Amino acid sequence: MHFTEKEAIHEASLIVARTFHKLYAEFSTYPASLKVLESYRDIRRMLPQDEPNGKRYGASEASAAMNGEEL
């Protein structure tokens, strides 16, 4: 499968989002979850804000992953 740079960055953000959800669900005050959250934000900021609603690429899917959901 061939990914564009945007798709690869988005996939990385989903992995980090799921990791954050797991850490936060188990250890909400644990410092690692905060570091993972900041990493997620940094990765998402690399994506363009090109969705029709002005949000970043794949925002709905990323938000769902942060909440432990799948679209």
N, C-alpha and C. Protein backbone atom coordinates (compact mmCIF):
# COMPACT_ATOMS: atom_id res chain seq x y z
N MET A 1 0.85 -1.18 0.00
CA MET A 1 0.00 0.00 0.00
C MET A 1 0.89 1.24 0.00
N HIS A 2 0.53 2.20 -0.80
CA HIS A 2 1.30 3.43 -0.92
C HIS A 2 0.56 4.57 -0.22
N PHE A 3 1.22 5.22 0.71
CA PHE A 3 0.64 6.34 1.44
C PHE A 3 1.23 7.64 0.95
N THR A 4 0.42 8.69 0.97
CA THR A 4 0.96 10.02 0.79
C THR A 4 1.55 10.45 2.12
N GLU A 5 2.33 11.50 2.11
CA GLU A 5 2.91 12.00 3.36
C GLU A 5 1.80 12.34 4.35
N LYS A 6 0.76 13.00 3.87
CA LYS A 6 -0.36 13.38 4.72
C LYS A 6 -1.03 12.16 5.35
N GLU A 7 -1.23 11.12 4.57
CA GLU A 7 -1.85 9.90 5.09
C GLU A 7 -0.95 9.20 6.11
N ALA A 8 0.34 9.19 5.86
CA ALA A 8 1.28 8.55 6.79
C ALA A 8 1.31 9.30 8.13
N ILE A 9 1.31 10.62 8.07
CA ILE A 9 1.29 11.41 9.30
C ILE A 9 -0.01 11.17 10.05
N HIS A 10 -1.10 11.12 9.31
CA HIS A 10 -2.41 10.87 9.93
C HIS A 10 -2.42 9.50 10.61
N GLU A 11 -1.91 8.47 9.94
CA GLU A 11 -1.86 7.13 10.53
C GLU A 11 -1.02 7.13 11.81
N ALA A 12 0.09 7.85 11.80
CA ALA A 12 0.93 7.96 13.00
C ALA A 12 0.14 8.62 14.13
N SER A 13 -0.64 9.65 13.79
CA SER A 13 -1.42 10.34 14.82
C SER A 13 -2.48 9.42 15.42
N LEU A 14 -3.04 8.53 14.60
CA LEU A 14 -4.04 7.59 15.12
C LEU A 14 -3.41 6.60 16.10
N ILE A 15 -2.21 6.14 15.79
CA ILE A 15 -1.50 5.23 16.70
C ILE A 15 -1.24 5.92 18.03
N VAL A 16 -0.78 7.15 17.98
CA VAL A 16 -0.49 7.90 19.20
C VAL A 16 -1.79 8.21 19.95
N ALA A 17 -2.85 8.52 19.23
CA ALA A 17 -4.15 8.79 19.87
C ALA A 17 -4.64 7.57 20.64
N ARG A 18 -4.54 6.41 20.02
CA ARG A 18 -4.98 5.17 20.69
C ARG A 18 -4.11 4.87 21.91
N THR A 19 -2.82 5.13 21.79
CA THR A 19 -1.90 4.94 22.92
C THR A 19 -2.27 5.87 24.06
N PHE A 20 -2.55 7.14 23.73
CA PHE A 20 -2.96 8.09 24.75
C PHE A 20 -4.23 7.59 25.45
N HIS A 21 -5.20 7.16 24.69
CA HIS A 21 -6.46 6.70 25.29
C HIS A 21 -6.22 5.57 26.28
N LYS A 22 -5.40 4.60 25.88
CA LYS A 22 -5.11 3.47 26.76
C LYS A 22 -4.40 3.92 28.03
N LEU A 23 -3.40 4.78 27.89
CA LEU A 23 -2.67 5.27 29.07
C LEU A 23 -3.57 6.09 29.98
N TYR A 24 -4.34 6.99 29.38
CA TYR A 24 -5.19 7.86 30.19
C TYR A 24 -6.28 7.07 30.91
N ALA A 25 -6.82 6.07 30.23
CA ALA A 25 -7.87 5.26 30.85
C ALA A 25 -7.34 4.51 32.08
N GLU A 26 -6.09 4.10 32.02
CA GLU A 26 -5.50 3.33 33.12
C GLU A 26 -4.80 4.20 34.17
N PHE A 27 -4.13 5.25 33.70
CA PHE A 27 -3.28 6.06 34.59
C PHE A 27 -3.50 7.55 34.30
N SER A 28 -4.68 8.07 34.57
CA SER A 28 -5.03 9.43 34.14
C SER A 28 -4.09 10.50 34.67
N THR A 29 -3.46 10.29 35.79
CA THR A 29 -2.55 11.30 36.32
C THR A 29 -1.10 10.97 36.03
N TYR A 30 -0.87 9.91 35.34
CA TYR A 30 0.49 9.46 35.04
C TYR A 30 1.14 10.42 34.04
N PRO A 31 2.36 10.90 34.31
CA PRO A 31 3.02 11.87 33.42
C PRO A 31 3.19 11.38 31.98
N ALA A 32 3.32 10.09 31.78
CA ALA A 32 3.50 9.58 30.42
C ALA A 32 2.31 9.91 29.54
N SER A 33 1.10 9.86 30.10
CA SER A 33 -0.08 10.16 29.28
C SER A 33 -0.05 11.61 28.80
N LEU A 34 0.46 12.50 29.61
CA LEU A 34 0.57 13.90 29.21
C LEU A 34 1.62 14.09 28.11
N LYS A 35 2.70 13.35 28.20
CA LYS A 35 3.73 13.43 27.16
C LYS A 35 3.21 12.86 25.84
N VAL A 36 2.45 11.79 25.92
CA VAL A 36 1.87 11.20 24.71
C VAL A 36 0.85 12.17 24.11
N LEU A 37 0.07 12.83 24.94
CA LEU A 37 -0.89 13.81 24.45
C LEU A 37 -0.17 14.94 23.70
N GLU A 38 0.91 15.43 24.25
CA GLU A 38 1.67 16.50 23.58
C GLU A 38 2.25 16.00 22.26
N SER A 39 2.70 14.76 22.22
CA SER A 39 3.20 14.18 20.98
C SER A 39 2.09 14.11 19.93
N TYR A 40 0.91 13.71 20.37
CA TYR A 40 -0.25 13.65 19.48
C TYR A 40 -0.52 15.04 18.88
N ARG A 41 -0.51 16.04 19.73
CA ARG A 41 -0.76 17.41 19.25
C ARG A 41 0.30 17.84 18.24
N ASP A 42 1.55 17.54 18.54
CA ASP A 42 2.64 17.90 17.62
C ASP A 42 2.46 17.24 16.27
N ILE A 43 2.10 15.96 16.27
CA ILE A 43 1.90 15.24 15.02
C ILE A 43 0.71 15.84 14.25
N ARG A 44 -0.39 16.08 14.93
CA ARG A 44 -1.58 16.63 14.27
C ARG A 44 -1.29 18.01 13.66
N ARG A 45 -0.45 18.79 14.31
CA ARG A 45 -0.11 20.13 13.79
C ARG A 45 0.65 20.07 12.47
N MET A 46 1.23 18.93 12.16
CA MET A 46 1.95 18.78 10.89
C MET A 46 0.98 18.60 9.72
N LEU A 47 -0.28 18.34 10.00
CA LEU A 47 -1.27 18.12 8.95
C LEU A 47 -1.93 19.43 8.53
N PRO A 48 -2.29 19.52 7.25
CA PRO A 48 -2.95 20.74 6.78
C PRO A 48 -4.39 20.85 7.29
N GLN A 49 -4.86 22.06 7.41
CA GLN A 49 -6.25 22.31 7.80
C GLN A 49 -7.06 22.44 6.52
N ASP A 50 -7.25 21.30 5.86
CA ASP A 50 -7.90 21.32 4.56
C ASP A 50 -9.27 20.64 4.50
N GLU A 51 -9.82 20.34 5.66
CA GLU A 51 -11.17 19.77 5.68
C GLU A 51 -12.16 20.89 5.37
N PRO A 52 -13.33 20.56 4.81
CA PRO A 52 -14.32 21.59 4.48
C PRO A 52 -14.70 22.48 5.67
N ASN A 53 -14.65 21.93 6.87
CA ASN A 53 -15.02 22.69 8.06
C ASN A 53 -13.82 23.45 8.66
N GLY A 54 -12.68 23.44 7.97
CA GLY A 54 -11.49 24.15 8.44
C GLY A 54 -10.65 23.37 9.43
N LYS A 55 -11.02 22.13 9.69
CA LYS A 55 -10.25 21.29 10.63
C LYS A 55 -9.14 20.57 9.88
N ARG A 56 -8.25 19.99 10.64
CA ARG A 56 -7.12 19.27 10.06
C ARG A 56 -7.57 17.97 9.39
N TYR A 57 -6.77 17.53 8.45
CA TYR A 57 -7.03 16.29 7.72
C TYR A 57 -7.31 15.16 8.71
N GLY A 58 -8.41 14.44 8.52
CA GLY A 58 -8.74 13.28 9.34
C GLY A 58 -9.15 13.60 10.77
N ALA A 59 -9.62 14.81 11.02
CA ALA A 59 -9.93 15.24 12.39
C ALA A 59 -10.98 14.36 13.07
N SER A 60 -12.01 13.96 12.35
CA SER A 60 -13.06 13.13 12.96
C SER A 60 -12.53 11.78 13.39
N GLU A 61 -11.74 11.17 12.54
CA GLU A 61 -11.16 9.86 12.86
C GLU A 61 -10.18 9.98 14.03
N ALA A 62 -9.39 11.04 14.04
CA ALA A 62 -8.42 11.26 15.12
C ALA A 62 -9.14 11.49 16.45
N SER A 63 -10.20 12.26 16.41
CA SER A 63 -10.97 12.52 17.63
C SER A 63 -11.57 11.23 18.17
N ALA A 64 -12.10 10.40 17.28
CA ALA A 64 -12.66 9.12 17.70
C ALA A 64 -11.59 8.24 18.34
N ALA A 65 -10.40 8.22 17.75
CA ALA A 65 -9.30 7.40 18.30
C ALA A 65 -8.90 7.88 19.69
N MET A 66 -8.93 9.19 19.90
CA MET A 66 -8.60 9.74 21.22
C MET A 66 -9.60 9.28 22.27
N ASN A 67 -10.83 9.02 21.83
CA ASN A 67 -11.89 8.59 22.74
C ASN A 67 -12.07 7.08 22.78
N GLY A 68 -11.15 6.36 22.14
CA GLY A 68 -11.23 4.90 22.15
C GLY A 68 -12.28 4.34 21.22
N GLU A 69 -12.71 5.14 20.25
CA GLU A 69 -13.74 4.70 19.30
C GLU A 69 -13.10 4.49 17.94
N GLU A 70 -13.80 3.80 17.08
CA GLU A 70 -13.36 3.60 15.69
C GLU A 70 -14.46 4.12 14.78
N LEU A 71 -14.08 4.76 13.71
CA LEU A 71 -15.06 5.22 12.72
C LEU A 71 -15.17 4.21 11.59
